């Protein structure tokens, strides 16, 4: 595995290429009848971020033998636009006032503008993907539908102490892992890669996306501020993340009742109690082991492509997704 600094530099070069393309796309839309909508969306699009999804699309294209970076750029842009749309809508569902330390779109401009702004980004992203072959368009359509389905399923299970691991994976596959998988598979199709390569990259995306979400869940419980939201936000909102589901399964008797009470009456004053019970249940170790399993499977799928500069960087991304040191 390359050093952290080497990996960051290689990712930074691709991020700079993508950010330049994104800025150019935004500027072209800041005129004509769409100008007001794009002006609204501009600040969330250009607010920064690690650009995991578009960079993975670019890397998957290279790994699959693609040579024309311009050809994959609309796909990368589509991935980021759709992802940003989900963030705008997530902030509304979660009543979030800030993201990455800045006011959310609906907090700045109002609920109606936030909803429309998110819708606009979804349509823009899907429109960019619409110029590709039907199989890519179909994948993107399915992904957008599954994002909505995953979000609805998560809302259905808010505060539901009977949520199962299967429910959890159905949610994150729709909301998080699916978009990763689609970005990788679509890029490989665009590169005219054989089916075995397309499938391997798609499975890589699924596994990295699952690991990515599990790390998110743990960061929320460790009080890490890199997510741009207060510690315990998921618990406060009643979201049933996998460490919580695991603890509910493993705890019994008095401890199970105490844990349920913490979840249903959560506040900062019960933070230490929450962490102690999760630790006692082995839920942190359990989640970390699942992250390792997903990363290992992602690397196994990547090995089917052989070694080149793109697959090596993708492997580094997968390994470092364990702790988000990118």
Protein backbone atom coordinates (compact mmCIF):
# COMPACT_ATOMS: atom_id res chain seq x y z
CA UNK A 1 0.00 0.00 0.00
CA UNK A 2 1.29 3.45 -0.91
CA UNK A 3 1.96 5.95 1.85
CA UNK A 4 -0.92 8.13 2.97
CA UNK A 5 0.78 11.18 1.47
CA UNK A 6 1.26 9.47 -1.91
CA UNK A 7 -2.36 8.34 -2.00
CA UNK A 8 -3.60 11.81 -1.06
CA UNK A 9 -1.51 13.43 -3.80
CA UNK A 10 -2.76 11.03 -6.47
CA UNK A 11 -6.36 11.53 -5.39
CA UNK A 12 -5.84 15.28 -5.20
CA UNK A 13 -4.77 15.41 -8.86
CA UNK A 14 -7.95 13.67 -9.95
CA UNK A 15 -10.04 15.77 -7.59
CA UNK A 16 -8.57 18.94 -9.12
CA UNK A 17 -9.44 17.70 -12.63
CA UNK A 18 -12.98 16.94 -11.53
CA UNK A 19 -13.44 20.23 -9.64
CA UNK A 20 -12.35 22.14 -12.74
CA UNK A 21 -14.95 20.28 -14.82
CA UNK A 22 -17.61 20.91 -12.16
CA UNK A 23 -16.82 24.62 -12.02
CA UNK A 24 -17.04 24.80 -15.81
CA UNK A 25 -20.38 22.98 -15.78
CA UNK A 26 -21.80 25.34 -13.15
CA UNK A 27 -20.61 28.46 -14.97
CA UNK A 28 -22.26 27.33 -18.20
CA UNK A 29 -25.56 26.89 -16.35
CA UNK A 30 -25.39 30.29 -14.65
CA UNK A 31 -27.02 32.01 -17.59
CA UNK A 32 -30.40 31.77 -19.26
CA UNK A 33 -33.61 30.50 -17.73
CA UNK A 34 -31.87 28.01 -15.42
CA UNK A 35 -29.68 30.66 -13.79
CA UNK A 36 -31.79 31.15 -10.62
CA UNK A 37 -31.94 27.41 -9.91
CA UNK A 38 -28.24 26.89 -10.55
CA UNK A 39 -27.33 29.90 -8.42
CA UNK A 40 -29.22 28.22 -5.60
CA UNK A 41 -27.45 24.89 -6.12
CA UNK A 42 -24.03 26.38 -6.82
CA UNK A 43 -23.00 26.81 -3.21
CA UNK A 44 -23.66 23.20 -2.26
CA UNK A 45 -22.01 21.87 -5.41
CA UNK A 46 -18.86 23.92 -4.89
CA UNK A 47 -18.75 23.60 -1.10
CA UNK A 48 -15.97 21.04 -1.33
CA UNK A 49 -15.94 17.44 -0.20
CA UNK A 50 -13.80 14.43 -0.98
CA UNK A 51 -15.60 13.61 -4.26
CA UNK A 52 -15.40 9.85 -3.64
CA UNK A 53 -18.08 8.90 -6.16
CA UNK A 54 -16.81 10.86 -9.18
CA UNK A 55 -13.21 9.90 -8.44
CA UNK A 56 -14.19 6.23 -8.24
CA UNK A 57 -15.97 6.58 -11.60
CA UNK A 58 -12.83 8.10 -13.13
CA UNK A 59 -10.61 5.41 -11.61
CA UNK A 60 -12.92 2.56 -12.63
CA UNK A 61 -12.89 3.90 -16.20
CA UNK A 62 -9.08 3.89 -16.19
CA UNK A 63 -8.92 0.48 -14.52
CA UNK A 64 -11.22 -0.96 -17.20
CA UNK A 65 -8.98 0.33 -20.00
CA UNK A 66 -10.67 3.64 -20.79
CA UNK A 67 -8.36 6.28 -22.23
CA UNK A 68 -10.48 9.38 -22.95
CA UNK A 69 -11.00 11.18 -19.63
CA UNK A 70 -13.39 13.63 -21.28
CA UNK A 71 -15.69 10.72 -22.13
CA UNK A 72 -16.14 9.71 -18.49
CA UNK A 73 -16.43 13.22 -17.08
CA UNK A 74 -20.19 13.60 -17.59
CA UNK A 75 -20.67 10.32 -15.75
CA UNK A 76 -18.50 11.58 -12.89
CA UNK A 77 -20.44 14.85 -12.82
CA UNK A 78 -23.74 12.96 -12.79
CA UNK A 79 -22.58 10.88 -9.82
CA UNK A 80 -21.69 14.01 -7.84
CA UNK A 81 -24.85 15.91 -8.76
CA UNK A 82 -27.08 13.03 -7.70
CA UNK A 83 -25.10 12.57 -4.49
CA UNK A 84 -25.36 16.28 -3.69
CA UNK A 85 -29.11 16.15 -4.33
CA UNK A 86 -29.42 13.38 -1.74
CA UNK A 87 -27.48 15.48 0.78
CA UNK A 88 -29.80 18.45 0.24
CA UNK A 89 -32.85 16.26 0.79
CA UNK A 90 -31.25 14.39 3.72
CA UNK A 91 -30.66 17.69 5.48
CA UNK A 92 -34.35 18.49 5.12
CA UNK A 93 -35.50 15.10 6.47
CA UNK A 94 -33.03 15.37 9.35
CA UNK A 95 -33.91 19.01 10.14
CA UNK A 96 -30.18 19.74 9.85
CA UNK A 97 -29.18 23.38 10.07
CA UNK A 98 -25.53 22.94 9.08
CA UNK A 99 -23.35 20.71 6.92
CA UNK A 100 -19.56 20.87 7.05
CA UNK A 101 -19.94 23.84 9.36
CA UNK A 102 -22.03 25.86 6.89
CA UNK A 103 -25.79 26.52 6.76
CA UNK A 104 -27.74 23.94 4.78
CA UNK A 105 -29.60 24.99 1.64
CA UNK A 106 -33.05 24.93 3.25
CA UNK A 107 -31.74 26.72 6.36
CA UNK A 108 -30.45 29.54 4.16
CA UNK A 109 -33.30 29.86 1.66
CA UNK A 110 -36.32 28.08 3.09
CA UNK A 111 -37.88 24.63 2.85
CA UNK A 112 -39.46 25.06 -0.60
CA UNK A 113 -36.20 26.25 -2.15
CA UNK A 114 -34.33 23.39 -0.51
CA UNK A 115 -36.71 20.78 -1.92
CA UNK A 116 -36.67 22.31 -5.40
CA UNK A 117 -32.89 22.74 -5.28
CA UNK A 118 -32.45 19.06 -4.49
CA UNK A 119 -34.90 18.06 -7.23
CA UNK A 120 -33.05 20.27 -9.69
CA UNK A 121 -29.73 18.60 -8.91
CA UNK A 122 -31.29 15.15 -9.35
CA UNK A 123 -32.65 16.08 -12.77
CA UNK A 124 -29.38 17.68 -13.85
CA UNK A 125 -27.44 14.59 -12.85
CA UNK A 126 -29.81 12.23 -14.60
CA UNK A 127 -29.76 14.46 -17.67
CA UNK A 128 -25.98 14.25 -17.90
CA UNK A 129 -26.15 10.47 -17.72
CA UNK A 130 -28.84 10.44 -20.39
CA UNK A 131 -26.33 10.95 -23.18
CA UNK A 132 -24.84 7.50 -22.63
CA UNK A 133 -26.02 4.08 -23.85
CA UNK A 134 -29.35 2.75 -22.65
CA UNK A 135 -27.77 0.25 -20.24
CA UNK A 136 -26.06 3.09 -18.33
CA UNK A 137 -29.23 5.19 -18.32
CA UNK A 138 -31.15 2.20 -16.96
CA UNK A 139 -28.58 1.68 -14.21
CA UNK A 140 -28.79 5.34 -13.23
CA UNK A 141 -32.60 5.25 -13.20
CA UNK A 142 -32.60 2.15 -10.98
CA UNK A 143 -30.07 3.80 -8.67
CA UNK A 144 -32.16 6.95 -8.27
CA UNK A 145 -35.25 4.84 -7.54
CA UNK A 146 -33.34 2.78 -5.01
CA UNK A 147 -32.02 5.90 -3.27
CA UNK A 148 -35.61 7.02 -2.72
CA UNK A 149 -36.65 3.52 -1.66
CA UNK A 150 -33.76 3.32 0.81
CA UNK A 151 -34.65 6.71 2.25
CA UNK A 152 -38.30 5.71 2.70
CA UNK A 153 -37.25 2.44 4.34
CA UNK A 154 -35.00 4.32 6.74
CA UNK A 155 -37.85 6.68 7.64
CA UNK A 156 -40.10 3.66 8.18
CA UNK A 157 -37.63 2.23 10.71
CA UNK A 158 -36.96 5.44 12.65
CA UNK A 159 -37.01 4.50 16.33
CA UNK A 160 -37.88 0.88 15.48
CA UNK A 161 -36.05 -1.29 18.02
CA UNK A 162 -36.99 -4.36 15.99
CA UNK A 163 -34.98 -3.30 12.93
CA UNK A 164 -32.90 -6.21 11.62
CA UNK A 165 -29.46 -6.30 9.97
CA UNK A 166 -31.27 -7.21 6.75
CA UNK A 167 -33.33 -4.03 7.03
CA UNK A 168 -30.16 -2.05 7.63
CA UNK A 169 -28.40 -3.43 4.56
CA UNK A 170 -31.47 -2.83 2.41
CA UNK A 171 -31.34 0.82 3.50
CA UNK A 172 -27.62 1.39 2.93
CA UNK A 173 -27.56 -0.57 -0.32
CA UNK A 174 -30.19 1.79 -1.68
CA UNK A 175 -28.82 5.02 -0.27
CA UNK A 176 -25.04 4.53 -0.25
CA UNK A 177 -23.58 1.35 -1.71
CA UNK A 178 -25.78 1.31 -4.83
CA UNK A 179 -24.53 4.68 -6.13
CA UNK A 180 -20.92 3.53 -5.59
CA UNK A 181 -21.61 0.32 -7.52
CA UNK A 182 -23.38 2.12 -10.36
CA UNK A 183 -20.58 4.66 -10.76
CA UNK A 184 -17.99 1.89 -11.06
CA UNK A 185 -20.03 -0.39 -13.32
CA UNK A 186 -21.18 2.41 -15.64
CA UNK A 187 -17.60 3.63 -16.03
CA UNK A 188 -16.48 0.12 -16.98
CA UNK A 189 -19.31 -0.19 -19.53
CA UNK A 190 -18.27 3.17 -20.96
CA UNK A 191 -14.73 1.82 -21.37
CA UNK A 192 -16.14 -1.13 -23.37
CA UNK A 193 -14.81 -3.54 -20.76
CA UNK A 194 -15.78 -7.23 -20.88
CA UNK A 195 -18.61 -8.38 -18.63
CA UNK A 196 -16.27 -9.98 -16.09
CA UNK A 197 -14.54 -6.62 -15.56
CA UNK A 198 -17.85 -4.72 -15.34
CA UNK A 199 -19.12 -7.19 -12.74
CA UNK A 200 -15.90 -7.08 -10.72
CA UNK A 201 -15.92 -3.29 -10.58
CA UNK A 202 -19.62 -3.23 -9.71
CA UNK A 203 -19.05 -5.65 -6.82
CA UNK A 204 -16.07 -3.56 -5.72
CA UNK A 205 -18.39 -0.55 -5.56
CA UNK A 206 -20.97 -2.43 -3.51
CA UNK A 207 -18.42 -3.54 -0.94
CA UNK A 208 -16.61 -0.21 -0.64
CA UNK A 209 -19.95 1.58 -0.33
CA UNK A 210 -21.02 -0.71 2.51
CA UNK A 211 -17.72 -0.21 4.32
CA UNK A 212 -18.02 3.54 3.77
CA UNK A 213 -21.45 3.66 5.43
CA UNK A 214 -20.41 1.49 8.36
CA UNK A 215 -17.47 3.82 9.01
CA UNK A 216 -19.96 6.72 8.92
CA UNK A 217 -22.03 4.96 11.56
CA UNK A 218 -19.01 4.52 13.82
CA UNK A 219 -17.82 8.10 13.36
CA UNK A 220 -21.23 9.30 14.52
CA UNK A 221 -20.79 7.24 17.69
CA UNK A 222 -17.19 8.27 18.37
CA UNK A 223 -17.92 11.98 18.27
CA UNK A 224 -15.70 12.57 15.22
CA UNK A 225 -16.41 16.05 13.82
CA UNK A 226 -15.16 15.24 10.30
CA UNK A 227 -18.73 14.43 9.27
CA UNK A 228 -19.70 18.03 9.90
CA UNK A 229 -22.46 17.11 12.35
CA UNK A 230 -22.69 16.75 16.15
CA UNK A 231 -21.82 13.41 17.75
CA UNK A 232 -24.74 11.08 18.22
CA UNK A 233 -26.85 12.75 15.53
CA UNK A 234 -28.04 9.40 14.18
CA UNK A 235 -29.09 8.25 17.65
CA UNK A 236 -30.87 11.53 18.35
CA UNK A 237 -32.78 11.18 15.06
CA UNK A 238 -33.76 7.59 15.82
CA UNK A 239 -31.75 6.08 12.95
CA UNK A 240 -31.10 2.39 13.44
CA UNK A 241 -27.45 1.97 12.49
CA UNK A 242 -25.81 -1.45 12.61
CA UNK A 243 -23.93 -0.99 15.92
CA UNK A 244 -27.26 -0.05 17.53
CA UNK A 245 -29.05 -3.02 15.96
CA UNK A 246 -26.28 -5.36 17.10
CA UNK A 247 -26.40 -4.10 20.69
CA UNK A 248 -30.18 -4.53 20.80
CA UNK A 249 -29.67 -8.15 19.74
CA UNK A 250 -26.80 -8.93 22.11
CA UNK A 251 -28.02 -7.22 25.28
CA UNK A 252 -30.54 -8.96 27.51
CA UNK A 253 -32.51 -8.31 30.65
CA UNK A 254 -31.69 -5.14 32.57
CA UNK A 255 -28.99 -4.05 30.10
CA UNK A 256 -31.38 -4.42 27.14
CA UNK A 257 -34.03 -2.35 28.93
CA UNK A 258 -31.45 0.28 29.87
CA UNK A 259 -30.17 0.49 26.29
CA UNK A 260 -33.69 0.84 24.89
CA UNK A 261 -34.35 3.64 27.38
CA UNK A 262 -31.14 5.42 26.34
CA UNK A 263 -32.19 5.28 22.68
CA UNK A 264 -35.72 6.48 23.35
CA UNK A 265 -34.66 9.29 25.69
CA UNK A 266 -31.28 10.19 24.25
CA UNK A 267 -29.42 13.40 25.03
CA UNK A 268 -25.87 14.52 25.80
CA UNK A 269 -26.37 13.51 29.41
CA UNK A 270 -26.68 9.86 28.31
CA UNK A 271 -23.70 9.78 25.95
CA UNK A 272 -21.34 7.86 28.26
CA UNK A 273 -24.11 5.39 29.08
CA UNK A 274 -24.65 4.76 25.36
CA UNK A 275 -20.96 4.15 24.68
CA UNK A 276 -20.56 1.88 27.71
CA UNK A 277 -23.46 -0.33 26.63
CA UNK A 278 -22.28 -0.50 23.01
CA UNK A 279 -18.82 -1.48 24.23
CA UNK A 280 -20.24 -4.07 26.64
CA UNK A 281 -22.28 -5.59 23.79
CA UNK A 282 -19.18 -5.79 21.56
CA UNK A 283 -20.91 -3.67 18.93
CA UNK A 284 -17.88 -1.56 18.04
CA UNK A 285 -15.76 -4.66 17.48
CA UNK A 286 -18.59 -6.22 15.48
CA UNK A 287 -18.92 -3.20 13.17
CA UNK A 288 -15.15 -2.92 12.71
CA UNK A 289 -14.96 -6.58 11.74
CA UNK A 290 -17.72 -6.10 9.16
CA UNK A 291 -15.82 -3.13 7.72
CA UNK A 292 -12.74 -5.35 7.37
CA UNK A 293 -14.84 -8.04 5.68
CA UNK A 294 -16.31 -5.61 3.15
CA UNK A 295 -12.89 -4.11 2.36
CA UNK A 296 -11.37 -7.58 1.94
CA UNK A 297 -14.13 -8.59 -0.47
CA UNK A 298 -13.71 -5.33 -2.40
CA UNK A 299 -10.00 -6.07 -2.84
CA UNK A 300 -10.74 -9.63 -3.96
CA UNK A 301 -13.00 -8.33 -6.73
CA UNK A 302 -10.38 -5.77 -7.75
CA UNK A 303 -7.73 -8.47 -8.09
CA UNK A 304 -9.69 -9.90 -11.03
CA UNK A 305 -8.57 -6.89 -13.10
CA UNK A 306 -4.85 -7.36 -12.54
CA UNK A 307 -2.58 -4.56 -11.43
CA UNK A 308 -2.32 -1.10 -12.98
CA UNK A 309 -2.00 2.41 -11.58
CA UNK A 310 -5.77 2.86 -11.35
CA UNK A 311 -6.48 -0.44 -9.58
CA UNK A 312 -3.61 0.22 -7.17
CA UNK A 313 -5.13 3.58 -6.23
CA UNK A 314 -8.59 2.04 -5.93
CA UNK A 315 -7.14 -0.58 -3.58
CA UNK A 316 -5.59 2.18 -1.47
CA UNK A 317 -8.93 3.99 -1.35
CA UNK A 318 -10.64 0.80 -0.19
CA UNK A 319 -8.05 0.11 2.51
CA UNK A 320 -8.06 3.66 3.81
CA UNK A 321 -11.85 3.83 3.81
CA UNK A 322 -11.58 1.88 7.08
CA UNK A 323 -10.77 5.11 8.89
CA UNK A 324 -11.42 7.77 6.24
CA UNK A 325 -7.76 8.83 6.20
CA UNK A 326 -7.96 10.29 2.72
